[in-house]
C-alpha atoms as a PDB file:
ATOM      1  CA  MET A   1       7.064 -22.817   5.078  1.00  0.00           C
ATOM      2  CA  GLY A   2       8.752 -20.274   2.792  1.00  0.00           C
ATOM      3  CA  THR A   3      10.410 -23.056   0.791  1.00  0.00           C
ATOM      4  CA  LEU A   4       7.061 -24.813   0.366  1.00  0.00           C
ATOM      5  CA  ASN A   5       5.442 -21.596  -0.896  1.00  0.00           C
ATOM      6  CA  ASN A   6       8.265 -21.084  -3.399  1.00  0.00           C
ATOM      7  CA  GLN A   7       7.876 -24.660  -4.638  1.00  0.00           C
ATOM      8  CA  ASN A   8       4.142 -24.149  -5.104  1.00  0.00           C
ATOM      9  CA  LYS A   9       4.768 -20.914  -7.017  1.00  0.00           C
ATOM     10  CA  ASN A  10       7.358 -22.601  -9.252  1.00  0.00           C
ATOM     11  CA  LEU A  11       5.000 -25.528  -9.891  1.00  0.00           C
ATOM     12  CA  LYS A  12       2.185 -23.127 -10.766  1.00  0.00           C
ATOM     13  CA  GLU A  13       4.459 -21.237 -13.158  1.00  0.00           C
ATOM     14  CA  LEU A  14       5.608 -24.430 -14.896  1.00  0.00           C
ATOM     15  CA  LEU A  15       2.016 -25.628 -15.194  1.00  0.00           C
ATOM     16  CA  PHE A  16       0.834 -22.404 -16.813  1.00  0.00           C
ATOM     17  CA  TYR A  17       3.941 -22.248 -19.009  1.00  0.00           C
ATOM     18  CA  GLY A  18       3.406 -25.837 -20.168  1.00  0.00           C
ATOM     19  CA  VAL A  19      -0.246 -25.177 -21.011  1.00  0.00           C
ATOM     20  CA  PHE A  20       0.717 -22.006 -22.879  1.00  0.00           C
ATOM     21  CA  ILE A  21       3.367 -23.849 -24.931  1.00  0.00           C
ATOM     22  CA  LEU A  22       0.841 -26.572 -25.770  1.00  0.00           C
ATOM     23  CA  VAL A  23      -1.753 -24.014 -26.912  1.00  0.00           C
ATOM     24  CA  THR A  24       0.899 -22.200 -28.968  1.00  0.00           C
ATOM     25  CA  PHE A  25       1.869 -25.494 -30.619  1.00  0.00           C
ATOM     26  CA  LEU A  26      -1.750 -26.265 -31.522  1.00  0.00           C
ATOM     27  CA  PHE A  27      -2.064 -22.876 -33.217  1.00  0.00           C
ATOM     28  CA  TYR A  28       1.293 -23.376 -34.921  1.00  0.00           C
ATOM     29  CA  SER A  29       0.414 -26.802 -36.323  1.00  0.00           C
ATOM     30  CA  PHE A  30      -3.247 -26.134 -37.087  1.00  0.00           C
ATOM     31  CA  ASP A  31      -4.205 -26.737 -40.717  1.00  0.00           C
ATOM     32  CA  ARG A  32      -7.781 -27.135 -41.974  1.00  0.00           C
ATOM     33  CA  LYS A  33      -6.669 -29.351 -44.853  1.00  0.00           C
ATOM     34  CA  LYS A  34      -4.991 -31.911 -42.540  1.00  0.00           C
ATOM     35  CA  PRO A  35      -6.504 -31.959 -39.057  1.00  0.00           C
ATOM     36  CA  PHE A  36      -3.798 -34.232 -37.648  1.00  0.00           C
ATOM     37  CA  ILE A  37      -0.332 -33.478 -36.259  1.00  0.00           C
ATOM     38  CA  GLU A  38       2.689 -34.835 -38.117  1.00  0.00           C
ATOM     39  CA  LEU A  39       5.997 -35.796 -36.515  1.00  0.00           C
ATOM     40  CA  HIS A  40       8.039 -33.147 -38.316  1.00  0.00           C
ATOM     41  CA  GLU A  41       5.785 -30.403 -36.874  1.00  0.00           C
ATOM     42  CA  ILE A  42       6.565 -31.635 -33.364  1.00  0.00           C
ATOM     43  CA  ILE A  43      10.314 -31.707 -34.062  1.00  0.00           C
ATOM     44  CA  PHE A  44      10.363 -28.231 -35.639  1.00  0.00           C
ATOM     45  CA  PHE A  45       8.358 -26.781 -32.739  1.00  0.00           C
ATOM     46  CA  LEU A  46      10.524 -28.586 -30.170  1.00  0.00           C
ATOM     47  CA  ASN A  47      13.564 -26.812 -31.661  1.00  0.00           C
ATOM     48  CA  TYR A  48      11.838 -23.435 -31.179  1.00  0.00           C
ATOM     49  CA  THR A  49      10.651 -24.345 -27.677  1.00  0.00           C
ATOM     50  CA  ILE A  50      14.154 -25.273 -26.460  1.00  0.00           C
ATOM     51  CA  ALA A  51      15.448 -21.947 -27.757  1.00  0.00           C
ATOM     52  CA  ALA A  52      12.595 -20.096 -26.027  1.00  0.00           C
ATOM     53  CA  LEU A  53      13.313 -21.889 -22.735  1.00  0.00           C
ATOM     54  CA  ILE A  54      17.002 -20.945 -22.964  1.00  0.00           C
ATOM     55  CA  ILE A  55      15.968 -17.324 -23.496  1.00  0.00           C
ATOM     56  CA  SER A  56      13.407 -17.426 -20.692  1.00  0.00           C
ATOM     57  CA  TYR A  57      15.416 -19.153 -17.988  1.00  0.00           C
ATOM     58  CA  PHE A  58      18.979 -18.182 -18.894  1.00  0.00           C
ATOM     59  CA  LEU A  59      19.244 -15.061 -21.055  1.00  0.00           C
ATOM     60  CA  PHE A  60      16.485 -13.082 -19.306  1.00  0.00           C
ATOM     61  CA  PRO A  61      17.770 -13.575 -15.721  1.00  0.00           C
ATOM     62  CA  LYS A  62      21.435 -13.238 -16.662  1.00  0.00           C
ATOM     63  CA  PHE A  63      21.223 -10.237 -18.992  1.00  0.00           C
ATOM     64  CA  ILE A  64      17.796  -8.581 -19.355  1.00  0.00           C
ATOM     65  CA  TYR A  65      16.989  -8.411 -15.629  1.00  0.00           C
ATOM     66  CA  LYS A  66      20.496  -7.134 -14.965  1.00  0.00           C
ATOM     67  CA  LYS A  67      20.089  -4.540 -17.761  1.00  0.00           C
ATOM     68  CA  ASN A  68      22.959  -5.957 -19.806  1.00  0.00           C
ATOM     69  CA  TYR A  69      21.116  -5.541 -23.095  1.00  0.00           C
ATOM     70  CA  PHE A  70      24.128  -5.599 -25.431  1.00  0.00           C
ATOM     71  CA  ARG A  71      25.257  -9.072 -24.331  1.00  0.00           C
ATOM     72  CA  PHE A  72      21.664 -10.285 -24.498  1.00  0.00           C
ATOM     73  CA  ILE A  73      21.445  -9.216 -28.150  1.00  0.00           C
ATOM     74  CA  ILE A  74      24.727 -10.994 -28.949  1.00  0.00           C
ATOM     75  CA  TYR A  75      23.626 -14.265 -27.326  1.00  0.00           C
ATOM     76  CA  PHE A  76      20.145 -13.952 -28.805  1.00  0.00           C
ATOM     77  CA  ILE A  77      21.583 -13.662 -32.351  1.00  0.00           C
ATOM     78  CA  LEU A  78      23.864 -16.652 -31.732  1.00  0.00           C
ATOM     79  CA  LEU A  79      20.963 -18.716 -30.391  1.00  0.00           C
ATOM     80  CA  ILE A  80      18.676 -17.880 -33.326  1.00  0.00           C
ATOM     81  CA  SER A  81      21.527 -18.728 -35.704  1.00  0.00           C
ATOM     82  CA  ALA A  82      21.901 -22.119 -34.004  1.00  0.00           C
ATOM     83  CA  VAL A  83      18.141 -22.755 -34.319  1.00  0.00           C
ATOM     84  CA  ILE A  84      18.281 -21.963 -38.046  1.00  0.00           C
ATOM     85  CA  LEU A  85      21.317 -24.174 -38.574  1.00  0.00           C
ATOM     86  CA  ILE A  86      19.635 -27.088 -36.762  1.00  0.00           C
ATOM     87  CA  GLU A  87      16.459 -26.589 -38.779  1.00  0.00           C
ATOM     88  CA  GLU A  88      18.177 -26.248 -42.149  1.00  0.00           C
ATOM     89  CA  GLY A  89      21.090 -28.633 -41.620  1.00  0.00           C
ATOM     90  CA  VAL A  90      19.475 -31.413 -39.577  1.00  0.00           C
ATOM     91  CA  ILE A  91      15.681 -31.435 -39.348  1.00  0.00           C
ATOM     92  CA  GLU A  92      14.953 -30.564 -42.988  1.00  0.00           C
ATOM     93  CA  GLN A  93      17.612 -33.049 -44.132  1.00  0.00           C
ATOM     94  CA  LEU A  94      15.805 -35.787 -42.188  1.00  0.00           C
ATOM     95  CA  PHE A  95      12.234 -35.029 -43.254  1.00  0.00           C
ATOM     96  CA  PHE A  96      12.582 -33.210 -46.615  1.00  0.00           C
ATOM     97  CA  PRO A  97      15.923 -34.249 -48.160  1.00  0.00           C
ATOM     98  CA  ASP A  98      14.713 -33.831 -51.747  1.00  0.00           C
ATOM     99  CA  THR A  99      12.812 -30.555 -51.382  1.00  0.00           C
ATOM    100  CA  ARG A 100      13.450 -28.087 -48.572  1.00  0.00           C
ATOM    101  CA  GLY A 101      16.563 -29.909 -47.423  1.00  0.00           C
ATOM    102  CA  SER A 102      18.236 -29.741 -50.839  1.00  0.00           C
ATOM    103  CA  HIS A 103      19.057 -26.034 -50.518  1.00  0.00           C
ATOM    104  CA  PHE A 104      19.462 -23.328 -47.902  1.00  0.00           C
ATOM    105  CA  SER A 105      16.269 -21.251 -47.704  1.00  0.00           C
ATOM    106  CA  ASN A 106      16.112 -17.473 -47.938  1.00  0.00           C
ATOM    107  CA  ILE A 107      17.253 -16.128 -44.546  1.00  0.00           C
ATOM    108  CA  LEU A 108      14.392 -13.608 -44.326  1.00  0.00           C
ATOM    109  CA  TYR A 109      11.743 -16.292 -44.873  1.00  0.00           C
ATOM    110  CA  THR A 110      13.470 -18.545 -42.368  1.00  0.00           C
ATOM    111  CA  LEU A 111      13.497 -15.795 -39.722  1.00  0.00           C
ATOM    112  CA  LEU A 112       9.779 -15.155 -40.300  1.00  0.00           C
ATOM    113  CA  ASP A 113       9.206 -18.844 -39.689  1.00  0.00           C
ATOM    114  CA  VAL A 114      11.507 -19.187 -36.654  1.00  0.00           C
ATOM    115  CA  LEU A 115      11.059 -15.941 -34.679  1.00  0.00           C
ATOM    116  CA  PRO A 116       7.271 -15.780 -34.023  1.00  0.00           C
ATOM    117  CA  PRO A 117       6.943 -18.964 -31.897  1.00  0.00           C
ATOM    118  CA  ILE A 118      10.187 -18.213 -30.024  1.00  0.00           C
ATOM    119  CA  ILE A 119       9.164 -14.628 -29.263  1.00  0.00           C
ATOM    120  CA  ILE A 120       5.647 -15.671 -28.226  1.00  0.00           C
ATOM    121  CA  ILE A 121       6.838 -18.408 -25.842  1.00  0.00           C
ATOM    122  CA  SER A 122       9.653 -16.387 -24.269  1.00  0.00           C
ATOM    123  CA  GLY A 123       7.409 -13.302 -24.171  1.00  0.00           C
ATOM    124  CA  PHE A 124       4.979 -15.223 -21.947  1.00  0.00           C
ATOM    125  CA  LYS A 125       7.788 -15.845 -19.453  1.00  0.00           C
ATOM    126  CA  LEU A 126       8.782 -12.177 -19.537  1.00  0.00           C
ATOM    127  CA  ALA A 127       5.194 -11.115 -18.864  1.00  0.00           C
ATOM    128  CA  TRP A 128       4.841 -13.690 -16.069  1.00  0.00           C
ATOM    129  CA  ASP A 129       8.019 -12.452 -14.353  1.00  0.00           C
ATOM    130  CA  ALA A 130       6.926  -8.810 -14.690  1.00  0.00           C
ATOM    131  CA  THR A 131       3.522  -9.601 -13.160  1.00  0.00           C
ATOM    132  CA  THR A 132       5.128 -11.574 -10.327  1.00  0.00           C
ATOM    133  CA  LYS A 133       7.585  -8.752  -9.637  1.00  0.00           C
ATOM    134  CA  GLN A 134       4.795  -6.174  -9.535  1.00  0.00           C
ATOM    135  CA  ARG A 135       2.766  -8.347  -7.171  1.00  0.00           C
ATOM    136  CA  GLN A 136       5.785  -8.709  -4.878  1.00  0.00           C
ATOM    137  CA  LEU A 137       6.335  -4.933  -4.932  1.00  0.00           C
ATOM    138  CA  ASP A 138       2.665  -4.355  -4.063  1.00  0.00           C
ATOM    139  CA  GLU A 139       2.865  -6.848  -1.186  1.00  0.00           C
ATOM    140  CA  LEU A 140       6.079  -5.233   0.059  1.00  0.00           C
ATOM    141  CA  LYS A 141       4.490  -1.795  -0.121  1.00  0.00           C
ATOM    142  CA  VAL A 142       1.534  -2.994   1.954  1.00  0.00           C
ATOM    143  CA  MET A 143       3.877  -4.595   4.506  1.00  0.00           C
ATOM    144  CA  VAL A 144       5.922  -1.393   4.796  1.00  0.00           C
ATOM    145  CA  GLN A 145       2.776   0.698   5.217  1.00  0.00           C
ATOM    146  CA  GLU A 146       1.409  -1.668   7.863  1.00  0.00           C
ATOM    147  CA  SER A 147       4.712  -1.590   9.762  1.00  0.00           C
ATOM    148  CA  GLU A 148       4.890   2.188   9.580  1.00  0.00           C
ATOM    149  CA  LEU A 149       1.276   2.561  10.723  1.00  0.00           C
ATOM    150  CA  GLN A 150       1.879   0.285  13.699  1.00  0.00           C
ATOM    151  CA  PHE A 151       4.994   2.264  14.571  1.00  0.00           C
ATOM    152  CA  LEU A 152       3.134   5.567  14.374  1.00  0.00           C
ATOM    153  CA  LYS A 153       0.311   4.222  16.540  1.00  0.00           C
ATOM    154  CA  SER A 154       2.801   2.950  19.108  1.00  0.00           C
ATOM    155  CA  GLN A 155       4.149   6.485  19.480  1.00  0.00           C
ATOM    156  CA  ILE A 156       0.703   7.954  20.159  1.00  0.00           C
ATOM    157  CA  ASN A 157      -0.013   5.888  23.308  1.00  0.00           C
ATOM    158  CA  PRO A 158       3.055   6.976  25.358  1.00  0.00           C
ATOM    159  CA  HIS A 159       2.514  10.548  24.204  1.00  0.00           C
ATOM    160  CA  PHE A 160      -1.062  10.457  25.472  1.00  0.00           C
ATOM    161  CA  LEU A 161      -0.144   8.727  28.750  1.00  0.00           C
ATOM    162  CA  PHE A 162       2.621  11.208  29.538  1.00  0.00           C
ATOM    163  CA  ASN A 163       0.188  14.128  29.432  1.00  0.00           C
ATOM    164  CA  ASN A 164      -2.649  12.518  31.391  1.00  0.00           C
ATOM    165  CA  MET A 165      -0.833  10.563  34.112  1.00  0.00           C
ATOM    166  CA  ASN A 166       0.567  13.811  35.496  1.00  0.00           C
ATOM    167  CA  ASN A 167      -2.948  15.207  35.722  1.00  0.00           C
ATOM    168  CA  LEU A 168      -4.201  12.039  37.441  1.00  0.00           C
ATOM    169  CA  TYR A 169      -1.317  12.162  39.932  1.00  0.00           C
ATOM    170  CA  ALA A 170      -2.050  15.785  40.829  1.00  0.00           C
ATOM    171  CA  HIS A 171      -5.723  15.049  41.513  1.00  0.00           C
ATOM    172  CA  ALA A 172      -4.854  11.911  43.501  1.00  0.00           C
ATOM    173  CA  VAL A 173      -2.392  13.839  45.723  1.00  0.00           C
ATOM    174  CA  GLU A 174      -5.081  16.443  46.404  1.00  0.00           C
ATOM    175  CA  GLN A 175      -7.598  13.618  47.014  1.00  0.00           C
ATOM    176  CA  SER A 176      -9.876  15.302  44.516  1.00  0.00           C
ATOM    177  CA  PRO A 177     -13.364  13.804  44.095  1.00  0.00           C
ATOM    178  CA  LYS A 178     -12.759  14.012  40.355  1.00  0.00           C
ATOM    179  CA  THR A 179     -10.073  11.285  40.517  1.00  0.00           C
ATOM    180  CA  PRO A 180     -12.517   8.380  39.831  1.00  0.00           C
ATOM    181  CA  GLU A 181     -13.926  10.344  36.884  1.00  0.00           C
ATOM    182  CA  ILE A 182     -10.427  10.760  35.433  1.00  0.00           C
ATOM    183  CA  ILE A 183      -9.608   7.074  35.924  1.00  0.00           C
ATOM    184  CA  LEU A 184     -12.847   6.004  34.231  1.00  0.00           C
ATOM    185  CA  ALA A 185     -12.346   8.237  31.190  1.00  0.00           C
ATOM    186  CA  LEU A 186      -8.650   7.358  30.969  1.00  0.00           C
ATOM    187  CA  SER A 187      -9.292   3.598  31.182  1.00  0.00           C
ATOM    188  CA  SER A 188     -11.932   3.852  28.445  1.00  0.00           C
ATOM    189  CA  ILE A 189      -9.516   5.613  26.103  1.00  0.00           C
ATOM    190  CA  LEU A 190      -6.663   3.204  26.900  1.00  0.00           C
ATOM    191  CA  ARG A 191      -8.922   0.215  26.252  1.00  0.00           C
ATOM    192  CA  TYR A 192      -9.846   1.789  22.923  1.00  0.00           C
ATOM    193  CA  MET A 193      -6.202   2.401  22.020  1.00  0.00           C
ATOM    194  CA  LEU A 194      -4.939  -1.039  23.055  1.00  0.00           C
ATOM    195  CA  TYR A 195      -7.688  -3.278  21.723  1.00  0.00           C
ATOM    196  CA  GLU A 196      -9.906  -1.522  19.193  1.00  0.00           C
ATOM    197  CA  CYS A 197      -7.281   0.521  17.362  1.00  0.00           C
ATOM    198  CA  LYS A 198      -5.377  -2.481  16.011  1.00  0.00           C
ATOM    199  CA  VAL A 199      -7.351  -2.277  12.775  1.00  0.00           C
ATOM    200  CA  LYS A 200      -6.907   0.325  10.051  1.00  0.00           C
ATOM    201  CA  TYR A 201     -10.389   1.775  10.430  1.00  0.00           C
ATOM    202  CA  VAL A 202     -12.951   1.994  13.232  1.00  0.00           C
ATOM    203  CA  SER A 203     -16.538   3.186  13.176  1.00  0.00           C
ATOM    204  CA  LEU A 204     -16.952   6.945  13.397  1.00  0.00           C
ATOM    205  CA  ASN A 205     -19.309   6.407  16.343  1.00  0.00           C
ATOM    206  CA  LYS A 206     -16.522   4.840  18.402  1.00  0.00           C
ATOM    207  CA  GLU A 207     -14.044   7.528  17.470  1.00  0.00           C
ATOM    208  CA  ILE A 208     -16.464  10.292  18.508  1.00  0.00           C
ATOM    209  CA  GLU A 209     -17.249   8.499  21.776  1.00  0.00           C
ATOM    210  CA  GLN A 210     -13.557   8.362  22.680  1.00  0.00           C
ATOM    211  CA  LEU A 211     -13.110  11.931  21.504  1.00  0.00           C
ATOM    212  CA  GLN A 212     -15.759  12.953  24.034  1.00  0.00           C
ATOM    213  CA  ASN A 213     -13.896  11.040  26.768  1.00  0.00           C
ATOM    214  CA  PHE A 214     -10.697  12.778  25.753  1.00  0.00           C
ATOM    215  CA  ILE A 215     -12.362  16.204  25.861  1.00  0.00           C
ATOM    216  CA  GLN A 216     -13.689  15.340  29.316  1.00  0.00           C
ATOM    217  CA  LEU A 217     -10.107  14.684  30.463  1.00  0.00           C
ATOM    218  CA  GLY A 218      -8.981  17.933  28.865  1.00  0.00           C
ATOM    219  CA  ASN A 219     -11.709  19.858  30.664  1.00  0.00           C
ATOM    220  CA  LEU A 220     -10.432  18.494  33.958  1.00  0.00           C
ATOM    221  CA  GLN A 221      -6.944  19.719  33.069  1.00  0.00           C
ATOM    222  CA  ILE A 222      -7.935  23.339  32.473  1.00  0.00           C
ATOM    223  CA  GLU A 223     -10.288  23.246  35.517  1.00  0.00           C
ATOM    224  CA  GLY A 224     -12.492  26.240  34.893  1.00  0.00           C
ATOM    225  CA  ARG A 225      -9.773  28.419  33.328  1.00  0.00           C
ATOM    226  CA  GLY A 226     -11.698  28.535  30.088  1.00  0.00           C
ATOM    227  CA  LYS A 227     -14.324  26.833  27.995  1.00  0.00           C
ATOM    228  CA  VAL A 228     -14.425  23.950  25.558  1.00  0.00           C
ATOM    229  CA  ASN A 229     -17.185  23.722  22.985  1.00  0.00           C
ATOM    230  CA  PHE A 230     -17.624  20.452  21.068  1.00  0.00           C
ATOM    231  CA  THR A 231     -20.373  20.200  18.436  1.00  0.00           C
ATOM    232  CA  HIS A 232     -21.025  17.526  15.855  1.00  0.00           C
ATOM    233  CA  GLU A 233     -23.692  17.150  13.182  1.00  0.00           C
ATOM    234  CA  ILE A 234     -23.192  13.649  11.928  1.00  0.00           C
ATOM    235  CA  ASN A 235     -25.160  10.710  10.644  1.00  0.00           C
ATOM    236  CA  THR A 236     -22.470   8.131  11.318  1.00  0.00           C
ATOM    237  CA  ALA A 237     -24.221   5.023   9.955  1.00  0.00           C
ATOM    238  CA  GLY A 238     -21.651   2.853   8.194  1.00  0.00           C
ATOM    239  CA  PHE A 239     -18.821   5.373   7.967  1.00  0.00           C
ATOM    240  CA  GLN A 240     -15.350   4.504   9.238  1.00  0.00           C
ATOM    241  CA  ILE A 241     -12.248   6.516  10.061  1.00  0.00           C
ATOM    242  CA  ALA A 242      -8.629   5.783  10.919  1.00  0.00           C
ATOM    243  CA  PRO A 243      -8.444   5.644  14.730  1.00  0.00           C
ATOM    244  CA  LEU A 244      -6.848   8.420  16.795  1.00  0.00           C
ATOM    245  CA  VAL A 245      -6.537  10.841  13.871  1.00  0.00           C
ATOM    246  CA  LEU A 246      -8.851  13.511  15.288  1.00  0.00           C
ATOM    247  CA  MET A 247      -7.733  12.931  18.867  1.00  0.00           C
ATOM    248  CA  VAL A 248      -4.197  14.084  18.100  1.00  0.00           C
ATOM    249  CA  PHE A 249      -5.430  17.514  16.962  1.00  0.00           C
ATOM    250  CA  VAL A 250      -7.643  17.873  20.030  1.00  0.00           C
ATOM    251  CA  GLU A 251      -4.795  16.852  22.324  1.00  0.00           C
ATOM    252  CA  ASN A 252      -2.599  19.434  20.645  1.00  0.00           C
ATOM    253  CA  ALA A 253      -5.229  22.134  21.259  1.00  0.00           C
ATOM    254  CA  PHE A 254      -5.435  21.348  24.993  1.00  0.00           C
ATOM    255  CA  LYS A 255      -1.698  21.041  25.385  1.00  0.00           C
ATOM    256  CA  HIS A 256      -0.774  24.396  23.858  1.00  0.00           C
ATOM    257  CA  SER A 257      -3.711  26.345  25.247  1.00  0.00           C
ATOM    258  CA  SER A 258      -3.084  25.191  28.807  1.00  0.00           C
ATOM    259  CA  SER A 259       0.687  25.700  28.547  1.00  0.00           C
ATOM    260  CA  SER A 260       0.533  29.250  27.139  1.00  0.00           C
ATOM    261  CA  LEU A 261      -2.548  30.658  28.890  1.00  0.00           C
ATOM    262  CA  THR A 262      -3.334  30.824  32.602  1.00  0.00           C
ATOM    263  CA  GLU A 263      -6.955  31.755  31.956  1.00  0.00           C
ATOM    264  CA  ASN A 264      -9.465  32.564  29.194  1.00  0.00           C
ATOM    265  CA  ILE A 265      -8.670  29.315  27.423  1.00  0.00           C
ATOM    266  CA  ASP A 266     -10.994  28.931  24.472  1.00  0.00           C
ATOM    267  CA  ILE A 267     -11.197  25.688  22.484  1.00  0.00           C
ATOM    268  CA  GLU A 268     -13.789  25.048  19.785  1.00  0.00           C
ATOM    269  CA  ILE A 269     -14.160  21.660  18.107  1.00  0.00           C
ATOM    270  CA  ASP A 270     -16.665  21.047  15.333  1.00  0.00           C
ATOM    271  CA  LEU A 271     -17.440  17.971  13.232  1.00  0.00           C
ATOM    272  CA  LYS A 272     -19.674  17.777  10.164  1.00  0.00           C
ATOM    273  CA  LEU A 273     -20.303  14.854   7.815  1.00  0.00           C
ATOM    274  CA  ASP A 274     -22.311  14.977   4.590  1.00  0.00           C
ATOM    275  CA  ASP A 275     -24.116  12.090   2.878  1.00  0.00           C
ATOM    276  CA  THR A 276     -21.121  11.308   0.652  1.00  0.00           C
ATOM    277  CA  GLY A 277     -18.845  10.695   3.649  1.00  0.00           C
ATOM    278  CA  LEU A 278     -16.934  13.983   3.449  1.00  0.00           C
ATOM    279  CA  LEU A 279     -15.884  14.809   7.013  1.00  0.00           C
ATOM    280  CA  ILE A 280     -15.120  18.427   7.916  1.00  0.00           C
ATOM    281  CA  PHE A 281     -13.198  18.761  11.181  1.00  0.00           C
ATOM    282  CA  ASN A 282     -12.404  22.157  12.681  1.00  0.00           C
ATOM    283  CA  CYS A 283     -10.416  22.687  15.865  1.00  0.00           C
ATOM    284  CA  LYS A 284      -9.479  26.135  17.171  1.00  0.00           C
ATOM    285  CA  ASN A 285      -7.667  27.069  20.342  1.00  0.00           C
ATOM    286  CA  SER A 286      -6.365  30.296  21.836  1.00  0.00           C
ATOM    287  CA  PHE A 287      -2.707  30.791  22.718  1.00  0.00           C
ATOM    288  CA  GLN A 288      -0.337  33.614  23.679  1.00  0.00           C
ATOM    289  CA  GLN A 289       1.765  34.954  20.844  1.00  0.00           C
ATOM    290  CA  GLU A 290       4.746  35.653  23.105  1.00  0.00           C
ATOM    291  CA  SER A 291       4.894  32.029  24.270  1.00  0.00           C
ATOM    292  CA  ASN A 292       6.902  29.383  22.454  1.00  0.00           C
ATOM    293  CA  THR A 293       4.614  28.615  19.509  1.00  0.00           C
ATOM    294  CA  GLU A 294       7.243  27.678  16.944  1.00  0.00           C
ATOM    295  CA  ASN A 295       6.642  23.972  17.519  1.00  0.00           C
ATOM    296  CA  LEU A 296       2.843  24.099  17.482  1.00  0.00           C
ATOM    297  CA  SER A 297       2.623  22.375  14.125  1.00  0.00           C
ATOM    298  CA  LYS A 298       5.817  20.330  14.525  1.00  0.00           C
ATOM    299  CA  GLY A 299       5.042  18.101  17.497  1.00  0.00           C
ATOM    300  CA  ILE A 300       5.562  14.359  17.292  1.00  0.00           C
ATOM    301  CA  GLY A 301       1.800  13.757  17.414  1.00  0.00           C
ATOM    302  CA  LEU A 302       1.050  16.061  14.484  1.00  0.00           C
ATOM    303  CA  GLU A 303       3.913  14.699  12.399  1.00  0.00           C
ATOM    304  CA  ASN A 304       2.632  11.177  13.011  1.00  0.00           C
ATOM    305  CA  VAL A 305      -0.942  11.970  12.065  1.00  0.00           C
ATOM    306  CA  LYS A 306       0.199  13.636   8.832  1.00  0.00           C
ATOM    307  CA  LYS A 307       2.140  10.516   7.880  1.00  0.00           C
ATOM    308  CA  ARG A 308      -0.846   8.313   8.710  1.00  0.00           C
ATOM    309  CA  LEU A 309      -3.112  10.487   6.561  1.00  0.00           C
ATOM    310  CA  ASP A 310      -0.657  10.188   3.673  1.00  0.00           C
ATOM    311  CA  LEU A 311      -0.614   6.404   4.016  1.00  0.00           C
ATOM    312  CA  LEU A 312      -4.324   5.779   4.579  1.00  0.00           C
ATOM    313  CA  TYR A 313      -5.942   8.629   2.648  1.00  0.00           C
ATOM    314  CA  PRO A 314      -3.667   9.485  -0.292  1.00  0.00           C
ATOM    315  CA  LYS A 315      -5.211  12.362  -2.269  1.00  0.00           C
ATOM    316  CA  GLU A 316      -8.374  12.055  -0.148  1.00  0.00           C
ATOM    317  CA  TYR A 317      -7.727  14.709   2.472  1.00  0.00           C
ATOM    318  CA  ILE A 318      -6.902  18.401   2.810  1.00  0.00           C
ATOM    319  CA  LEU A 319      -5.193  19.588   5.989  1.00  0.00           C
ATOM    320  CA  SER A 320      -4.787  23.265   6.796  1.00  0.00           C
ATOM    321  CA  ILE A 321      -3.004  24.517   9.943  1.00  0.00           C
ATOM    322  CA  THR A 322      -2.727  28.232  10.716  1.00  0.00           C
ATOM    323  CA  ASP A 323      -1.879  30.378  13.740  1.00  0.00           C
ATOM    324  CA  THR A 324      -3.043  34.010  13.430  1.00  0.00           C
ATOM    325  CA  ASN A 325      -4.392  36.573  15.895  1.00  0.00           C
ATOM    326  CA  ASN A 326      -3.633  34.315  18.876  1.00  0.00           C
ATOM    327  CA  ILE A 327      -5.821  31.558  17.383  1.00  0.00           C
ATOM    328  CA  TYR A 328      -4.361  28.237  16.356  1.00  0.00           C
ATOM    329  CA  SER A 329      -6.651  26.595  13.804  1.00  0.00           C
ATOM    330  CA  VAL A 330      -6.774  23.131  12.260  1.00  0.00           C
ATOM    331  CA  GLN A 331      -9.132  22.293   9.428  1.00  0.00           C
ATOM    332  CA  LEU A 332      -9.256  18.774   8.029  1.00  0.00           C
ATOM    333  CA  SER A 333     -11.394  17.658   5.100  1.00  0.00           C
ATOM    334  CA  LEU A 334     -11.390  13.886   4.897  1.00  0.00           C
ATOM    335  CA  GLN A 335     -13.219  11.507   2.564  1.00  0.00           C
ATOM    336  CA  LEU A 336     -14.396   8.594   4.702  1.00  0.00           C
ATOM    337  CA  LYS A 337     -15.190   5.062   3.584  1.00  0.00           C
ATOM    338  CA  ASN A 338     -18.571   3.438   4.120  1.00  0.00           C
ATOM    339  CA  ASN A 339     -18.357  -0.239   5.088  1.00  0.00           C
ATOM    340  CA  LEU A 340     -22.009  -0.755   4.156  1.00  0.00           C
ATOM    341  CA  ILE A 341     -21.366  -0.099   0.459  1.00  0.00           C
END
């Protein structure tokens, strides 16, 4: 399959190159006084074309693309000298033995006649190769980003499961009536992660719905040891967001509040979206200063979400994380995309 694609690309290049050479020849031979093409014009241009092909398919790959410019210049001068010698010593002797072929023309005039078609034809090949190389780099960049995003997403699922399966086990052992509620919320989130989060962006409605399920699970973890307040003022029509971005911050809030405080846990989550698609996300949680808070902003989940934001929203987000006065605060400003536009 790869070989077939390469053959198609090579055929396409040769086709475009051939058409370009033909168009260049028509401009080269065009004369209002004699609207027909003479044989000597074809022979002269063929001499230039062969030189341009040698430059394009031999000198460029062997010297220019390997940044060996000095040797390229040497071979280029030798090639142009050979073109001039063939033109002056052979072609002009055949077609104009009594006029142009009777003497060696001024070298400057000859160069002005020889160089333009050669530079134009070989320049097309240089531009084609540069465009192809840039397209390959762009495709490679997209592939690397896609691979990295999939890797980052794959790390989120085990991280989430590790925290919630323990909670489910504890309730099941105690035969808590809340166990079915946990299973239902957990299965909804897992279904979302496994099936709906394979794309780059999901609707903001779906993300908020799963965020509510996640907060429900978090509430069951703290079990009356504090309060969780989730508010959102959003007209979500058409707007999309990268999946699981907000959930990581909320998970972090529950994890560190419940691990550092035995009671008086306070978590506030707020979402606002304006008409332009600017999302303002605030998440605050209480924690004890004397507990281990050095890794609050360095967890695997937070590092992953920062990388995903860099990949999916370059220069379109502002993330601020602070921990002062026993309050850990995350503020994210994110410019969302509208799939209806």
